[in-house]
Amino acid sequence: MQLMRPANLPTAAADIFAGAALAGFLSAPFLESNIFYLVLSSVCLYAGGVVLNDVFDYNLDKIERPERPIPKNLIPLKSAAIFGSALLLIGILLAFFVSNLSGILALALSCAIVVYDAYSKKNDFLGPLNMGLCRGLNLILGMSIFGALNSWWYAIIPLVYIFAITLISRGEVHGNNKNHIIWAGALYAMVILAVVSIVMTKTDNIFQTVPFLALFAFLVFKPLINAFKLNSPKNIKKAVVSGVLAIIALDACLAVGFSVWWFGLLILLLLPLSILLSKIFSVT
């Protein structure tokens, strides 16, 4: 459970619900099994990704994070590698139950996850970009619920958002990342403006979306400002954790913009679950 970061897993499910809303899920009955498979697929892919992240970070974690399960010798490295790989394979298989398109997207997402874990995260630009690509593909996976894709470019929103969070996380161990925090704040503002622009252009739901956007802005900017004022590893970690969990609020904004207000509230119910799990398990 520690390896899978349970507090993060509801955020993966939220992406699927948001993607399905963007695709018009509520207007088509009898697709409950499809969204069930896609949610399970996304959760397995996310869990497999973070497990393998710890596998690839084994040598570094022995120095910087010896409290993690693998360097602490609670779980053998080989067992963790098998477990993470199995989760990715299960996630891909579940997506193919929905459609070939969903399966191919899950396969592409798995490849992006492994590339991040093994290589790109070491690069200051490619790492955040790759992580953002993973989250964007996860949203698109939800949009594939009908076996087709429309407006896939909406995925640029989570891509930019996760790029910002990954920038912040660069100072989580040592601190001293005010420049990254400034950039992240600018990217957060761009994400909010993008959601407003898309909703106003494509739908008539801007007024019901605004309260959700206000909640999202509060969740991400309050800890970010604190991390800028006191640029300590502790405050930076809080900003990262808040940013990760606030993905649920961002997904709710997208869902409300393209469906109905109560569907956004249902997605927001995943937030207290994530917060509760974050008190028990590490988010980062």
C-alpha atoms as a PDB file:
ATOM      1  CA  MET A   1       0.000   0.000   0.000  1.00  0.00           C
ATOM      2  CA  GLN A   2       2.862   2.387   0.790  1.00  0.00           C
ATOM      3  CA  LEU A   3       4.418   1.731  -2.606  1.00  0.00           C
ATOM      4  CA  MET A   4       1.147   2.432  -4.464  1.00  0.00           C
ATOM      5  CA  ARG A   5       0.551   5.882  -2.851  1.00  0.00           C
ATOM      6  CA  PRO A   6      -3.160   5.254  -2.069  1.00  0.00           C
ATOM      7  CA  ALA A   7      -3.863   8.971  -1.509  1.00  0.00           C
ATOM      8  CA  ASN A   8      -2.958   9.659  -5.149  1.00  0.00           C
ATOM      9  CA  LEU A   9      -5.117   6.958  -6.690  1.00  0.00           C
ATOM     10  CA  PRO A  10      -8.448   8.862  -6.456  1.00  0.00           C
ATOM     11  CA  THR A  11      -6.842  11.592  -8.575  1.00  0.00           C
ATOM     12  CA  ALA A  12      -6.368   9.056 -11.378  1.00  0.00           C
ATOM     13  CA  ALA A  13     -10.033   8.082 -11.143  1.00  0.00           C
ATOM     14  CA  ALA A  14     -11.022  11.771 -11.238  1.00  0.00           C
ATOM     15  CA  ASP A  15      -9.178  12.154 -14.561  1.00  0.00           C
ATOM     16  CA  ILE A  16     -11.281   9.374 -16.062  1.00  0.00           C
ATOM     17  CA  PHE A  17     -14.552  10.879 -14.849  1.00  0.00           C
ATOM     18  CA  ALA A  18     -13.532  14.284 -16.223  1.00  0.00           C
ATOM     19  CA  GLY A  19     -12.498  12.805 -19.565  1.00  0.00           C
ATOM     20  CA  ALA A  20     -15.769  10.896 -19.790  1.00  0.00           C
ATOM     21  CA  ALA A  21     -17.696  14.115 -19.075  1.00  0.00           C
ATOM     22  CA  LEU A  22     -15.778  15.899 -21.826  1.00  0.00           C
ATOM     23  CA  ALA A  23     -16.766  13.090 -24.192  1.00  0.00           C
ATOM     24  CA  GLY A  24     -20.460  13.409 -23.248  1.00  0.00           C
ATOM     25  CA  PHE A  25     -20.739  10.373 -20.979  1.00  0.00           C
ATOM     26  CA  LEU A  26     -23.897  11.584 -19.206  1.00  0.00           C
ATOM     27  CA  SER A  27     -25.789  11.825 -22.483  1.00  0.00           C
ATOM     28  CA  ALA A  28     -25.312   8.128 -23.295  1.00  0.00           C
ATOM     29  CA  PRO A  29     -26.797   5.360 -21.151  1.00  0.00           C
ATOM     30  CA  PHE A  30     -25.498   1.829 -20.569  1.00  0.00           C
ATOM     31  CA  LEU A  31     -21.801   2.735 -20.454  1.00  0.00           C
ATOM     32  CA  GLU A  32     -21.337   2.079 -16.735  1.00  0.00           C
ATOM     33  CA  SER A  33     -19.167  -0.979 -17.392  1.00  0.00           C
ATOM     34  CA  ASN A  34     -16.900   1.047 -19.684  1.00  0.00           C
ATOM     35  CA  ILE A  35     -16.231   3.733 -17.096  1.00  0.00           C
ATOM     36  CA  PHE A  36     -15.742   1.043 -14.432  1.00  0.00           C
ATOM     37  CA  TYR A  37     -13.036  -0.636 -16.518  1.00  0.00           C
ATOM     38  CA  LEU A  38     -11.382   2.683 -17.378  1.00  0.00           C
ATOM     39  CA  VAL A  39     -11.265   3.791 -13.731  1.00  0.00           C
ATOM     40  CA  LEU A  40      -9.719   0.479 -12.660  1.00  0.00           C
ATOM     41  CA  SER A  41      -7.291   0.676 -15.568  1.00  0.00           C
ATOM     42  CA  SER A  42      -6.214   4.199 -14.658  1.00  0.00           C
ATOM     43  CA  VAL A  43      -5.773   3.341 -10.977  1.00  0.00           C
ATOM     44  CA  CYS A  44      -3.637   0.299 -11.847  1.00  0.00           C
ATOM     45  CA  LEU A  45      -1.517   2.302 -14.287  1.00  0.00           C
ATOM     46  CA  TYR A  46      -0.938   5.057 -11.725  1.00  0.00           C
ATOM     47  CA  ALA A  47      -0.151   2.560  -8.963  1.00  0.00           C
ATOM     48  CA  GLY A  48       2.228   0.648 -11.232  1.00  0.00           C
ATOM     49  CA  GLY A  49       3.955   3.877 -12.198  1.00  0.00           C
ATOM     50  CA  VAL A  50       4.671   5.001  -8.636  1.00  0.00           C
ATOM     51  CA  VAL A  51       5.801   1.507  -7.623  1.00  0.00           C
ATOM     52  CA  LEU A  52       8.296   1.421 -10.497  1.00  0.00           C
ATOM     53  CA  ASN A  53       9.346   4.972  -9.649  1.00  0.00           C
ATOM     54  CA  ASP A  54      10.575   3.683  -6.280  1.00  0.00           C
ATOM     55  CA  VAL A  55      12.232   0.736  -8.016  1.00  0.00           C
ATOM     56  CA  PHE A  56      14.256   3.003 -10.297  1.00  0.00           C
ATOM     57  CA  ASP A  57      15.011   5.386  -7.400  1.00  0.00           C
ATOM     58  CA  TYR A  58      16.330   2.637  -5.135  1.00  0.00           C
ATOM     59  CA  ASN A  59      19.947   3.814  -4.989  1.00  0.00           C
ATOM     60  CA  LEU A  60      18.989   7.481  -4.576  1.00  0.00           C
ATOM     61  CA  ASP A  61      16.381   6.696  -1.933  1.00  0.00           C
ATOM     62  CA  LYS A  62      18.961   4.859   0.157  1.00  0.00           C
ATOM     63  CA  ILE A  63      20.551   8.292   0.633  1.00  0.00           C
ATOM     64  CA  GLU A  64      17.699  10.807   0.458  1.00  0.00           C
ATOM     65  CA  ARG A  65      14.621   8.799   1.544  1.00  0.00           C
ATOM     66  CA  PRO A  66      15.731   5.743   3.509  1.00  0.00           C
ATOM     67  CA  GLU A  67      12.281   5.558   5.138  1.00  0.00           C
ATOM     68  CA  ARG A  68      10.699   4.274   1.916  1.00  0.00           C
ATOM     69  CA  PRO A  69       9.736   0.566   1.866  1.00  0.00           C
ATOM     70  CA  ILE A  70      12.408  -0.662  -0.581  1.00  0.00           C
ATOM     71  CA  PRO A  71      15.535   1.014   0.886  1.00  0.00           C
ATOM     72  CA  LYS A  72      14.188   0.155   4.342  1.00  0.00           C
ATOM     73  CA  ASN A  73      14.279  -3.525   3.245  1.00  0.00           C
ATOM     74  CA  LEU A  74      10.570  -4.028   3.923  1.00  0.00           C
ATOM     75  CA  ILE A  75      10.055  -5.130   0.298  1.00  0.00           C
ATOM     76  CA  PRO A  76      12.707  -6.774  -1.951  1.00  0.00           C
ATOM     77  CA  LEU A  77      13.636  -4.744  -5.012  1.00  0.00           C
ATOM     78  CA  LYS A  78      12.833  -7.623  -7.378  1.00  0.00           C
ATOM     79  CA  SER A  79       9.403  -8.172  -5.836  1.00  0.00           C
ATOM     80  CA  ALA A  80       8.578  -4.475  -6.176  1.00  0.00           C
ATOM     81  CA  ALA A  81       9.651  -4.520  -9.834  1.00  0.00           C
ATOM     82  CA  ILE A  82       7.407  -7.517 -10.557  1.00  0.00           C
ATOM     83  CA  PHE A  83       4.515  -5.929  -8.673  1.00  0.00           C
ATOM     84  CA  GLY A  84       4.793  -2.606 -10.537  1.00  0.00           C
ATOM     85  CA  SER A  85       5.069  -4.309 -13.925  1.00  0.00           C
ATOM     86  CA  ALA A  86       2.062  -6.515 -13.181  1.00  0.00           C
ATOM     87  CA  LEU A  87      -0.032  -3.463 -12.276  1.00  0.00           C
ATOM     88  CA  LEU A  88       0.823  -1.827 -15.615  1.00  0.00           C
ATOM     89  CA  LEU A  89      -0.102  -4.980 -17.539  1.00  0.00           C
ATOM     90  CA  ILE A  90      -3.418  -5.295 -15.677  1.00  0.00           C
ATOM     91  CA  GLY A  91      -4.159  -1.629 -16.420  1.00  0.00           C
ATOM     92  CA  ILE A  92      -3.535  -2.152 -20.142  1.00  0.00           C
ATOM     93  CA  LEU A  93      -5.683  -5.298 -20.224  1.00  0.00           C
ATOM     94  CA  LEU A  94      -8.615  -3.595 -18.477  1.00  0.00           C
ATOM     95  CA  ALA A  95      -8.524  -0.744 -21.005  1.00  0.00           C
ATOM     96  CA  PHE A  96      -8.739  -3.203 -23.903  1.00  0.00           C
ATOM     97  CA  PHE A  97     -12.023  -4.461 -22.396  1.00  0.00           C
ATOM     98  CA  VAL A  98     -13.487  -1.072 -23.356  1.00  0.00           C
ATOM     99  CA  SER A  99     -12.084  -0.712 -26.886  1.00  0.00           C
ATOM    100  CA  ASN A 100      -8.931  -1.124 -28.933  1.00  0.00           C
ATOM    101  CA  LEU A 101      -8.458   2.653 -28.793  1.00  0.00           C
ATOM    102  CA  SER A 102      -8.586   2.647 -24.985  1.00  0.00           C
ATOM    103  CA  GLY A 103      -6.137  -0.231 -24.873  1.00  0.00           C
ATOM    104  CA  ILE A 104      -3.689   1.525 -27.188  1.00  0.00           C
ATOM    105  CA  LEU A 105      -3.950   4.689 -25.094  1.00  0.00           C
ATOM    106  CA  ALA A 106      -3.261   2.684 -21.925  1.00  0.00           C
ATOM    107  CA  LEU A 107      -0.250   1.106 -23.630  1.00  0.00           C
ATOM    108  CA  ALA A 108       1.027   4.553 -24.661  1.00  0.00           C
ATOM    109  CA  LEU A 109       0.471   5.825 -21.122  1.00  0.00           C
ATOM    110  CA  SER A 110       2.408   2.870 -19.710  1.00  0.00           C
ATOM    111  CA  CYS A 111       5.322   3.629 -22.031  1.00  0.00           C
ATOM    112  CA  ALA A 112       5.288   7.292 -20.976  1.00  0.00           C
ATOM    113  CA  ILE A 113       5.255   6.207 -17.321  1.00  0.00           C
ATOM    114  CA  VAL A 114       8.252   3.924 -17.713  1.00  0.00           C
ATOM    115  CA  VAL A 115      10.182   6.564 -19.673  1.00  0.00           C
ATOM    116  CA  TYR A 116       9.584   9.040 -16.853  1.00  0.00           C
ATOM    117  CA  ASP A 117      10.526   6.597 -14.108  1.00  0.00           C
ATOM    118  CA  ALA A 118      13.668   5.354 -15.821  1.00  0.00           C
ATOM    119  CA  TYR A 119      14.999   8.390 -17.635  1.00  0.00           C
ATOM    120  CA  SER A 120      13.267  11.731 -18.135  1.00  0.00           C
ATOM    121  CA  LYS A 121      12.661  12.649 -14.484  1.00  0.00           C
ATOM    122  CA  LYS A 122      16.377  13.341 -14.190  1.00  0.00           C
ATOM    123  CA  ASN A 123      16.026  16.216 -16.654  1.00  0.00           C
ATOM    124  CA  ASP A 124      14.712  19.580 -15.387  1.00  0.00           C
ATOM    125  CA  PHE A 125      12.576  20.156 -18.491  1.00  0.00           C
ATOM    126  CA  LEU A 126      11.825  16.692 -19.893  1.00  0.00           C
ATOM    127  CA  GLY A 127      10.834  15.364 -16.472  1.00  0.00           C
ATOM    128  CA  PRO A 128       7.958  17.808 -15.837  1.00  0.00           C
ATOM    129  CA  LEU A 129       6.919  17.586 -19.498  1.00  0.00           C
ATOM    130  CA  ASN A 130       6.847  13.785 -19.402  1.00  0.00           C
ATOM    131  CA  MET A 131       4.875  13.747 -16.153  1.00  0.00           C
ATOM    132  CA  GLY A 132       2.380  16.218 -17.634  1.00  0.00           C
ATOM    133  CA  LEU A 133       2.076  14.009 -20.712  1.00  0.00           C
ATOM    134  CA  CYS A 134       1.174  11.061 -18.476  1.00  0.00           C
ATOM    135  CA  ARG A 135      -1.639  13.014 -16.822  1.00  0.00           C
ATOM    136  CA  GLY A 136      -2.850  14.317 -20.191  1.00  0.00           C
ATOM    137  CA  LEU A 137      -2.971  10.780 -21.594  1.00  0.00           C
ATOM    138  CA  ASN A 138      -4.930   9.696 -18.537  1.00  0.00           C
ATOM    139  CA  LEU A 139      -7.567  12.353 -19.263  1.00  0.00           C
ATOM    140  CA  ILE A 140      -7.677  11.232 -22.900  1.00  0.00           C
ATOM    141  CA  LEU A 141      -8.118   7.644 -21.687  1.00  0.00           C
ATOM    142  CA  GLY A 142     -11.350   8.791 -20.033  1.00  0.00           C
ATOM    143  CA  MET A 143     -12.378  10.571 -23.228  1.00  0.00           C
ATOM    144  CA  SER A 144     -12.040   7.281 -25.136  1.00  0.00           C
ATOM    145  CA  ILE A 145     -15.106   5.822 -23.389  1.00  0.00           C
ATOM    146  CA  PHE A 146     -17.011   5.785 -26.709  1.00  0.00           C
ATOM    147  CA  GLY A 147     -14.123   4.209 -28.604  1.00  0.00           C
ATOM    148  CA  ALA A 148     -13.395   7.499 -30.378  1.00  0.00           C
ATOM    149  CA  LEU A 149     -11.679  10.801 -29.609  1.00  0.00           C
ATOM    150  CA  ASN A 150     -12.954  14.342 -29.980  1.00  0.00           C
ATOM    151  CA  SER A 151     -11.180  17.468 -28.736  1.00  0.00           C
ATOM    152  CA  TRP A 152      -8.247  15.451 -27.385  1.00  0.00           C
ATOM    153  CA  TRP A 153      -6.254  18.678 -27.192  1.00  0.00           C
ATOM    154  CA  TYR A 154      -8.062  19.525 -23.935  1.00  0.00           C
ATOM    155  CA  ALA A 155      -5.368  17.322 -22.412  1.00  0.00           C
ATOM    156  CA  ILE A 156      -3.003  20.302 -22.628  1.00  0.00           C
ATOM    157  CA  ILE A 157      -4.649  21.585 -19.426  1.00  0.00           C
ATOM    158  CA  PRO A 158      -3.537  18.729 -17.120  1.00  0.00           C
ATOM    159  CA  LEU A 159      -0.212  18.592 -18.987  1.00  0.00           C
ATOM    160  CA  VAL A 160       0.581  22.206 -18.092  1.00  0.00           C
ATOM    161  CA  TYR A 161      -0.752  21.778 -14.566  1.00  0.00           C
ATOM    162  CA  ILE A 162       1.338  18.700 -13.782  1.00  0.00           C
ATOM    163  CA  PHE A 163       4.369  20.378 -15.379  1.00  0.00           C
ATOM    164  CA  ALA A 164       3.932  23.103 -12.746  1.00  0.00           C
ATOM    165  CA  ILE A 165       3.641  20.660  -9.829  1.00  0.00           C
ATOM    166  CA  THR A 166       6.697  18.724 -10.974  1.00  0.00           C
ATOM    167  CA  LEU A 167       8.644  21.989 -11.135  1.00  0.00           C
ATOM    168  CA  ILE A 168       7.752  22.707  -7.515  1.00  0.00           C
ATOM    169  CA  SER A 169       8.759  19.208  -6.424  1.00  0.00           C
ATOM    170  CA  ARG A 170      12.337  19.862  -7.564  1.00  0.00           C
ATOM    171  CA  GLY A 171      12.961  21.578  -4.223  1.00  0.00           C
ATOM    172  CA  GLU A 172      11.178  19.075  -2.042  1.00  0.00           C
ATOM    173  CA  VAL A 173      14.347  17.580  -0.570  1.00  0.00           C
ATOM    174  CA  HIS A 174      16.723  20.560  -0.409  1.00  0.00           C
ATOM    175  CA  GLY A 175      14.476  23.642  -0.660  1.00  0.00           C
ATOM    176  CA  ASN A 176      15.613  26.841  -2.409  1.00  0.00           C
ATOM    177  CA  ASN A 177      13.342  26.765  -5.474  1.00  0.00           C
ATOM    178  CA  LYS A 178      11.682  30.191  -5.534  1.00  0.00           C
ATOM    179  CA  ASN A 179      12.178  30.564  -9.274  1.00  0.00           C
ATOM    180  CA  HIS A 180      10.324  27.302  -9.877  1.00  0.00           C
ATOM    181  CA  ILE A 181       7.509  28.450  -7.593  1.00  0.00           C
ATOM    182  CA  ILE A 182       7.105  31.685  -9.562  1.00  0.00           C
ATOM    183  CA  TRP A 183       6.919  29.717 -12.814  1.00  0.00           C
ATOM    184  CA  ALA A 184       4.456  27.287 -11.259  1.00  0.00           C
ATOM    185  CA  GLY A 185       2.210  30.153 -10.136  1.00  0.00           C
ATOM    186  CA  ALA A 186       2.169  31.542 -13.668  1.00  0.00           C
ATOM    187  CA  LEU A 187       1.308  28.104 -15.071  1.00  0.00           C
ATOM    188  CA  TYR A 188      -1.496  27.682 -12.511  1.00  0.00           C
ATOM    189  CA  ALA A 189      -2.962  31.000 -13.684  1.00  0.00           C
ATOM    190  CA  MET A 190      -2.716  29.837 -17.311  1.00  0.00           C
ATOM    191  CA  VAL A 191      -4.601  26.651 -16.441  1.00  0.00           C
ATOM    192  CA  ILE A 192      -7.433  28.597 -14.822  1.00  0.00           C
ATOM    193  CA  LEU A 193      -7.674  30.975 -17.784  1.00  0.00           C
ATOM    194  CA  ALA A 194      -7.661  28.027 -20.188  1.00  0.00           C
ATOM    195  CA  VAL A 195     -10.553  26.341 -18.367  1.00  0.00           C
ATOM    196  CA  VAL A 196     -12.540  29.604 -18.364  1.00  0.00           C
ATOM    197  CA  SER A 197     -11.863  30.176 -22.074  1.00  0.00           C
ATOM    198  CA  ILE A 198     -12.811  26.651 -23.125  1.00  0.00           C
ATOM    199  CA  VAL A 199     -15.987  26.536 -21.054  1.00  0.00           C
ATOM    200  CA  MET A 200     -17.112  29.975 -22.240  1.00  0.00           C
ATOM    201  CA  THR A 201     -16.372  29.087 -25.863  1.00  0.00           C
ATOM    202  CA  LYS A 202     -17.824  25.585 -25.959  1.00  0.00           C
ATOM    203  CA  THR A 203     -20.672  25.615 -23.409  1.00  0.00           C
ATOM    204  CA  ASP A 204     -23.034  27.835 -21.413  1.00  0.00           C
ATOM    205  CA  ASN A 205     -21.902  26.478 -18.044  1.00  0.00           C
ATOM    206  CA  ILE A 206     -19.416  29.128 -16.957  1.00  0.00           C
ATOM    207  CA  PHE A 207     -21.472  30.319 -13.965  1.00  0.00           C
ATOM    208  CA  GLN A 208     -21.732  26.841 -12.470  1.00  0.00           C
ATOM    209  CA  THR A 209     -18.014  26.303 -13.148  1.00  0.00           C
ATOM    210  CA  VAL A 210     -16.789  29.441 -11.333  1.00  0.00           C
ATOM    211  CA  PRO A 211     -17.327  28.129  -7.751  1.00  0.00           C
ATOM    212  CA  PHE A 212     -15.347  24.999  -8.581  1.00  0.00           C
ATOM    213  CA  LEU A 213     -12.567  27.103 -10.089  1.00  0.00           C
ATOM    214  CA  ALA A 214     -12.502  29.282  -6.971  1.00  0.00           C
ATOM    215  CA  LEU A 215     -12.035  26.203  -4.797  1.00  0.00           C
ATOM    216  CA  PHE A 216      -9.288  24.935  -7.090  1.00  0.00           C
ATOM    217  CA  ALA A 217      -7.471  28.295  -6.996  1.00  0.00           C
ATOM    218  CA  PHE A 218      -7.627  28.375  -3.196  1.00  0.00           C
ATOM    219  CA  LEU A 219      -6.273  24.831  -2.896  1.00  0.00           C
ATOM    220  CA  VAL A 220      -3.247  25.463  -5.109  1.00  0.00           C
ATOM    221  CA  PHE A 221      -2.293  29.086  -4.468  1.00  0.00           C
ATOM    222  CA  LYS A 222      -2.480  29.186  -0.662  1.00  0.00           C
ATOM    223  CA  PRO A 223       0.270  26.589  -0.070  1.00  0.00           C
ATOM    224  CA  LEU A 224       2.239  27.905  -3.045  1.00  0.00           C
ATOM    225  CA  ILE A 225       2.377  31.404  -1.536  1.00  0.00           C
ATOM    226  CA  ASN A 226       3.435  29.934   1.810  1.00  0.00           C
ATOM    227  CA  ALA A 227       6.209  27.983   0.097  1.00  0.00           C
ATOM    228  CA  PHE A 228       7.434  31.159  -1.583  1.00  0.00           C
ATOM    229  CA  LYS A 229       7.447  33.143   1.673  1.00  0.00           C
ATOM    230  CA  LEU A 230       9.285  30.416   3.599  1.00  0.00           C
ATOM    231  CA  ASN A 231      11.103  28.371   0.989  1.00  0.00           C
ATOM    232  CA  SER A 232      11.705  25.324   3.160  1.00  0.00           C
ATOM    233  CA  PRO A 233      11.475  21.656   2.111  1.00  0.00           C
ATOM    234  CA  LYS A 234       8.501  21.257   4.478  1.00  0.00           C
ATOM    235  CA  ASN A 235       6.483  24.062   2.858  1.00  0.00           C
ATOM    236  CA  ILE A 236       7.493  22.970  -0.625  1.00  0.00           C
ATOM    237  CA  LYS A 237       6.292  19.449   0.119  1.00  0.00           C
ATOM    238  CA  LYS A 238       2.960  20.858   1.339  1.00  0.00           C
ATOM    239  CA  ALA A 239       2.603  22.788  -1.929  1.00  0.00           C
ATOM    240  CA  VAL A 240       3.336  19.632  -3.919  1.00  0.00           C
ATOM    241  CA  VAL A 241       0.880  17.537  -1.905  1.00  0.00           C
ATOM    242  CA  SER A 242      -1.844  20.180  -2.255  1.00  0.00           C
ATOM    243  CA  GLY A 243      -1.164  20.421  -5.964  1.00  0.00           C
ATOM    244  CA  VAL A 244      -1.450  16.665  -6.467  1.00  0.00           C
ATOM    245  CA  LEU A 245      -4.680  16.359  -4.489  1.00  0.00           C
ATOM    246  CA  ALA A 246      -6.162  19.474  -6.139  1.00  0.00           C
ATOM    247  CA  ILE A 247      -6.122  17.613  -9.461  1.00  0.00           C
ATOM    248  CA  ILE A 248      -9.482  16.297  -8.298  1.00  0.00           C
ATOM    249  CA  ALA A 249     -10.827  19.856  -8.077  1.00  0.00           C
ATOM    250  CA  LEU A 250      -9.430  20.664 -11.533  1.00  0.00           C
ATOM    251  CA  ASP A 251     -11.111  17.562 -12.963  1.00  0.00           C
ATOM    252  CA  ALA A 252     -14.360  18.640 -11.288  1.00  0.00           C
ATOM    253  CA  CYS A 253     -14.066  22.032 -13.024  1.00  0.00           C
ATOM    254  CA  LEU A 254     -13.742  20.371 -16.424  1.00  0.00           C
ATOM    255  CA  ALA A 255     -16.587  17.963 -15.709  1.00  0.00           C
ATOM    256  CA  VAL A 256     -18.955  20.727 -14.556  1.00  0.00           C
ATOM    257  CA  GLY A 257     -18.067  22.843 -17.568  1.00  0.00           C
ATOM    258  CA  PHE A 258     -19.154  20.090 -19.925  1.00  0.00           C
ATOM    259  CA  SER A 259     -21.926  18.339 -17.988  1.00  0.00           C
ATOM    260  CA  VAL A 260     -23.917  19.204 -14.851  1.00  0.00           C
ATOM    261  CA  TRP A 261     -23.019  20.633 -11.452  1.00  0.00           C
ATOM    262  CA  TRP A 262     -23.857  17.498  -9.465  1.00  0.00           C
ATOM    263  CA  PHE A 263     -21.419  15.407 -11.496  1.00  0.00           C
ATOM    264  CA  GLY A 264     -18.666  17.817 -10.440  1.00  0.00           C
ATOM    265  CA  LEU A 265     -19.743  17.413  -6.812  1.00  0.00           C
ATOM    266  CA  LEU A 266     -19.526  13.639  -7.144  1.00  0.00           C
ATOM    267  CA  ILE A 267     -15.950  13.979  -8.392  1.00  0.00           C
ATOM    268  CA  LEU A 268     -15.152  16.342  -5.503  1.00  0.00           C
ATOM    269  CA  LEU A 269     -16.167  13.589  -3.080  1.00  0.00           C
ATOM    270  CA  LEU A 270     -12.889  11.924  -4.039  1.00  0.00           C
ATOM    271  CA  LEU A 271     -11.010  14.861  -2.470  1.00  0.00           C
ATOM    272  CA  PRO A 272     -11.795  14.134   1.201  1.00  0.00           C
ATOM    273  CA  LEU A 273     -10.922  10.491   0.511  1.00  0.00           C
ATOM    274  CA  SER A 274      -7.521  11.536  -0.840  1.00  0.00           C
ATOM    275  CA  ILE A 275      -6.950  13.906   2.079  1.00  0.00           C
ATOM    276  CA  LEU A 276      -7.802  11.169   4.561  1.00  0.00           C
ATOM    277  CA  LEU A 277      -5.452   8.705   2.876  1.00  0.00           C
ATOM    278  CA  SER A 278      -2.711  11.370   2.754  1.00  0.00           C
ATOM    279  CA  LYS A 279      -2.751  11.389   6.573  1.00  0.00           C
ATOM    280  CA  ILE A 280      -1.819   7.695   6.512  1.00  0.00           C
ATOM    281  CA  PHE A 281       0.302   7.269   3.383  1.00  0.00           C
ATOM    282  CA  SER A 282       2.897   9.452   1.694  1.00  0.00           C
ATOM    283  CA  VAL A 283       1.735  11.405  -1.371  1.00  0.00           C
ATOM    284  CA  THR A 284       5.195  12.164  -2.808  1.00  0.00           C
END
